[in-house]
C-alpha atoms as a PDB file:
ATOM      1  CA  ARG A   1     -55.601  15.110  85.790  1.00  0.00           C
ATOM      2  CA  VAL A   2     -51.697  15.086  86.991  1.00  0.00           C
ATOM      3  CA  LEU A   3     -49.791  14.494  83.723  1.00  0.00           C
ATOM      4  CA  ASP A   4     -51.808  16.909  81.609  1.00  0.00           C
ATOM      5  CA  PRO A   5     -50.713  20.546  83.354  1.00  0.00           C
ATOM      6  CA  PHE A   6     -47.239  18.820  83.763  1.00  0.00           C
ATOM      7  CA  ALA A   7     -46.751  18.562  80.018  1.00  0.00           C
ATOM      8  CA  ASP A   8     -48.252  22.089  79.775  1.00  0.00           C
ATOM      9  CA  LYS A   9     -45.733  23.465  81.800  1.00  0.00           C
ATOM     10  CA  VAL A  10     -42.781  21.578  80.337  1.00  0.00           C
ATOM     11  CA  VAL A  11     -43.954  23.067  77.078  1.00  0.00           C
ATOM     12  CA  VAL A  12     -44.847  26.646  77.796  1.00  0.00           C
ATOM     13  CA  CYS A  13     -41.769  26.799  80.148  1.00  0.00           C
ATOM     14  CA  GLY A  14     -39.315  25.014  77.485  1.00  0.00           C
ATOM     15  CA  THR A  15     -40.189  27.215  74.815  1.00  0.00           C
ATOM     16  CA  PHE A  16     -40.317  30.780  76.787  1.00  0.00           C
ATOM     17  CA  ILE A  17     -36.347  29.692  77.737  1.00  0.00           C
ATOM     18  CA  TYR A  18     -35.807  28.671  74.003  1.00  0.00           C
ATOM     19  CA  LEU A  19     -37.470  31.968  72.899  1.00  0.00           C
ATOM     20  CA  ALA A  20     -35.453  33.798  75.446  1.00  0.00           C
ATOM     21  CA  ALA A  21     -31.898  32.819  74.200  1.00  0.00           C
ATOM     22  CA  ALA A  22     -32.873  33.362  70.601  1.00  0.00           C
ATOM     23  CA  PRO A  23     -31.914  36.663  69.252  1.00  0.00           C
ATOM     24  CA  GLY A  24     -34.851  38.447  67.438  1.00  0.00           C
ATOM     25  CA  SER A  25     -37.550  36.725  69.570  1.00  0.00           C
ATOM     26  CA  ALA A  26     -40.457  39.074  71.457  1.00  0.00           C
ATOM     27  CA  ILE A  27     -39.540  37.027  74.378  1.00  0.00           C
ATOM     28  CA  ALA A  28     -36.955  38.933  76.825  1.00  0.00           C
ATOM     29  CA  PRO A  29     -34.807  36.721  79.137  1.00  0.00           C
ATOM     30  CA  TRP A  30     -36.652  37.924  82.428  1.00  0.00           C
ATOM     31  CA  MET A  31     -39.835  37.279  80.881  1.00  0.00           C
ATOM     32  CA  ALA A  32     -38.902  33.587  80.447  1.00  0.00           C
ATOM     33  CA  VAL A  33     -38.105  33.764  84.580  1.00  0.00           C
ATOM     34  CA  VAL A  34     -40.981  35.626  85.282  1.00  0.00           C
ATOM     35  CA  VAL A  35     -43.228  32.611  83.732  1.00  0.00           C
ATOM     36  CA  THR A  36     -41.380  29.900  85.399  1.00  0.00           C
ATOM     37  CA  SER A  37     -41.485  30.904  88.580  1.00  0.00           C
ATOM     38  CA  ARG A  38     -45.192  31.668  88.535  1.00  0.00           C
ATOM     39  CA  GLU A  39     -45.732  28.127  87.158  1.00  0.00           C
ATOM     40  CA  LEU A  40     -43.792  26.690  89.859  1.00  0.00           C
ATOM     41  CA  LEU A  41     -45.346  28.898  92.662  1.00  0.00           C
ATOM     42  CA  VAL A  42     -48.722  27.837  91.616  1.00  0.00           C
ATOM     43  CA  THR A  43     -47.538  24.055  91.489  1.00  0.00           C
ATOM     44  CA  ALA A  44     -45.853  23.959  94.695  1.00  0.00           C
ATOM     45  CA  LEU A  45     -49.682  25.977  95.845  1.00  0.00           C
ATOM     46  CA  ARG A  46     -51.568  23.366  94.564  1.00  0.00           C
ATOM     47  CA  SER A  47     -50.043  20.580  95.629  1.00  0.00           C
ATOM     48  CA  SER A  48     -49.675  22.280  99.197  1.00  0.00           C
ATOM     49  CA  VAL A  49     -53.419  22.455  99.080  1.00  0.00           C
ATOM     50  CA  GLU A  50     -54.414  19.243  97.367  1.00  0.00           C
ATOM     51  CA  GLN A  51     -52.379  17.647  99.955  1.00  0.00           C
ATOM     52  CA  ALA A  52     -54.651  19.100 102.676  1.00  0.00           C
ATOM     53  CA  GLY A  53     -57.800  18.026 100.657  1.00  0.00           C
ATOM     54  CA  GLY A  54     -58.443  21.119  99.590  1.00  0.00           C
ATOM     55  CA  ASP A  55     -59.721  22.073  96.302  1.00  0.00           C
ATOM     56  CA  PHE A  56     -57.237  23.998  93.999  1.00  0.00           C
ATOM     57  CA  SER A  57     -58.735  23.339  90.770  1.00  0.00           C
ATOM     58  CA  ALA A  58     -57.956  25.919  87.557  1.00  0.00           C
ATOM     59  CA  ARG A  59     -59.347  28.946  87.365  1.00  0.00           C
ATOM     60  CA  TRP A  60     -60.882  30.898  84.336  1.00  0.00           C
ATOM     61  CA  VAL A  61     -57.869  33.635  84.674  1.00  0.00           C
ATOM     62  CA  GLY A  62     -55.093  30.624  84.231  1.00  0.00           C
ATOM     63  CA  LYS A  63     -56.977  29.515  81.152  1.00  0.00           C
ATOM     64  CA  TRP A  64     -56.766  32.771  79.893  1.00  0.00           C
ATOM     65  CA  LYS A  65     -52.649  32.885  80.740  1.00  0.00           C
ATOM     66  CA  MET A  66     -52.391  29.632  78.956  1.00  0.00           C
ATOM     67  CA  ALA A  67     -54.387  30.718  76.130  1.00  0.00           C
ATOM     68  CA  LEU A  68     -51.937  34.185  75.571  1.00  0.00           C
ATOM     69  CA  GLN A  69     -48.702  32.778  76.780  1.00  0.00           C
ATOM     70  CA  CYS A  70     -49.637  30.345  73.441  1.00  0.00           C
ATOM     71  CA  ALA A  71     -50.345  32.897  71.184  1.00  0.00           C
ATOM     72  CA  ALA A  72     -47.034  34.616  72.841  1.00  0.00           C
ATOM     73  CA  VAL A  73     -45.139  31.736  71.374  1.00  0.00           C
ATOM     74  CA  ILE A  74     -46.907  30.831  68.436  1.00  0.00           C
ATOM     75  CA  THR A  75     -46.302  34.471  67.451  1.00  0.00           C
ATOM     76  CA  SER A  76     -42.522  34.956  68.551  1.00  0.00           C
ATOM     77  CA  LEU A  77     -42.100  31.719  66.179  1.00  0.00           C
ATOM     78  CA  LEU A  78     -43.551  33.511  63.260  1.00  0.00           C
ATOM     79  CA  LEU A  79     -41.127  36.309  64.190  1.00  0.00           C
ATOM     80  CA  LEU A  80     -38.347  34.045  64.332  1.00  0.00           C
ATOM     81  CA  ALA A  81     -39.250  32.511  61.066  1.00  0.00           C
ATOM     82  CA  SER A  82     -40.103  35.309  58.868  1.00  0.00           C
ATOM     83  CA  ASN A  83     -37.092  36.865  56.871  1.00  0.00           C
ATOM     84  CA  THR A  84     -36.871  40.364  59.411  1.00  0.00           C
ATOM     85  CA  ALA A  85     -36.443  38.107  62.256  1.00  0.00           C
ATOM     86  CA  SER A  86     -32.888  39.079  62.727  1.00  0.00           C
ATOM     87  CA  ASP A  87     -33.164  42.853  62.232  1.00  0.00           C
ATOM     88  CA  ALA A  88     -36.262  42.641  64.434  1.00  0.00           C
ATOM     89  CA  THR A  89     -34.974  45.741  66.698  1.00  0.00           C
ATOM     90  CA  SER A  90     -35.066  48.106  63.513  1.00  0.00           C
ATOM     91  CA  ASP A  91     -38.353  49.449  63.207  1.00  0.00           C
ATOM     92  CA  ALA A  92     -37.392  51.572  59.920  1.00  0.00           C
ATOM     93  CA  THR A  93     -36.609  48.869  57.751  1.00  0.00           C
ATOM     94  CA  ARG A  94     -39.852  46.342  58.299  1.00  0.00           C
ATOM     95  CA  ASP A  95     -42.595  46.646  55.705  1.00  0.00           C
ATOM     96  CA  GLY A  96     -46.129  47.034  57.083  1.00  0.00           C
ATOM     97  CA  GLY A  97     -46.429  42.493  57.820  1.00  0.00           C
ATOM     98  CA  SER A  98     -43.255  42.124  58.982  1.00  0.00           C
ATOM     99  CA  ASN A  99     -44.268  45.371  61.478  1.00  0.00           C
ATOM    100  CA  LEU A 100     -47.672  43.561  62.846  1.00  0.00           C
ATOM    101  CA  LEU A 101     -45.819  40.707  63.257  1.00  0.00           C
ATOM    102  CA  TRP A 102     -43.674  42.388  65.314  1.00  0.00           C
ATOM    103  CA  TRP A 103     -46.106  44.327  66.857  1.00  0.00           C
ATOM    104  CA  ALA A 104     -48.476  41.333  67.394  1.00  0.00           C
ATOM    105  CA  ALA A 105     -45.404  39.337  69.132  1.00  0.00           C
ATOM    106  CA  HIS A 106     -44.259  41.710  71.429  1.00  0.00           C
ATOM    107  CA  ALA A 107     -48.121  42.774  72.480  1.00  0.00           C
ATOM    108  CA  ALA A 108     -48.607  38.878  72.901  1.00  0.00           C
ATOM    109  CA  ALA A 109     -45.470  38.439  75.058  1.00  0.00           C
ATOM    110  CA  TRP A 110     -46.035  41.285  77.961  1.00  0.00           C
ATOM    111  CA  LEU A 111     -49.730  40.427  77.664  1.00  0.00           C
ATOM    112  CA  ALA A 112     -48.950  37.013  78.845  1.00  0.00           C
ATOM    113  CA  VAL A 113     -46.530  37.972  81.352  1.00  0.00           C
ATOM    114  CA  ALA A 114     -49.059  40.562  82.615  1.00  0.00           C
ATOM    115  CA  LEU A 115     -51.425  37.880  83.250  1.00  0.00           C
ATOM    116  CA  THR A 116     -48.992  35.742  84.003  1.00  0.00           C
ATOM    117  CA  VAL A 117     -48.365  37.526  86.993  1.00  0.00           C
ATOM    118  CA  TYR A 118     -51.753  38.354  87.938  1.00  0.00           C
ATOM    119  CA  SER A 119     -52.917  34.705  88.064  1.00  0.00           C
ATOM    120  CA  GLY A 120     -49.937  33.718  90.238  1.00  0.00           C
ATOM    121  CA  TRP A 121     -51.149  36.374  92.792  1.00  0.00           C
ATOM    122  CA  VAL A 122     -55.013  35.227  91.876  1.00  0.00           C
ATOM    123  CA  TYR A 123     -53.835  31.170  93.316  1.00  0.00           C
ATOM    124  CA  ALA A 124     -51.354  32.677  96.369  1.00  0.00           C
ATOM    125  CA  ARG A 125     -54.346  34.819  97.539  1.00  0.00           C
ATOM    126  CA  LEU A 126     -56.607  31.819  97.185  1.00  0.00           C
ATOM    127  CA  ALA A 127     -53.717  29.252  98.769  1.00  0.00           C
ATOM    128  CA  ALA A 128     -53.150  32.203 101.791  1.00  0.00           C
ATOM    129  CA  ARG A 129     -57.019  32.389 101.849  1.00  0.00           C
ATOM    130  CA  MET A 130     -57.531  28.112 101.959  1.00  0.00           C
ATOM    131  CA  ALA A 131     -54.683  28.265 104.869  1.00  0.00           C
ATOM    132  CA  THR A 132     -56.255  30.510 107.062  1.00  0.00           C
ATOM    133  CA  GLU A 133     -59.956  28.597 107.011  1.00  0.00           C
ATOM    134  CA  LYS A 134     -58.246  25.581 108.512  1.00  0.00           C
END
């Protein structure tokens, strides 16, 4: 119950941080900061709520967030592995398949970050509500 979410966070945050430093990745450094900050916030909230005897189980939004984060990681890794990763900022020189991969990686990254922020807000609101009920 504790180690699985911990391993998920290490893999996702570590990979986002790695990709943020990789030229040609769809992951910008600020995205890695947002993802890592949200994971730390929700972990702290979960710990606080569960120490107080509350239930802070994963919600559907957290599961979808993880799925989109994994999609962002996979497409960014594929983008880096492609021959066009070194020229990822030049739309005019990519062929159709590479262009599609570039757009897929960037769309997945932005969607993952958007859902990461939203899910953090959902969990923060839930924790605040649980704190005021006591």
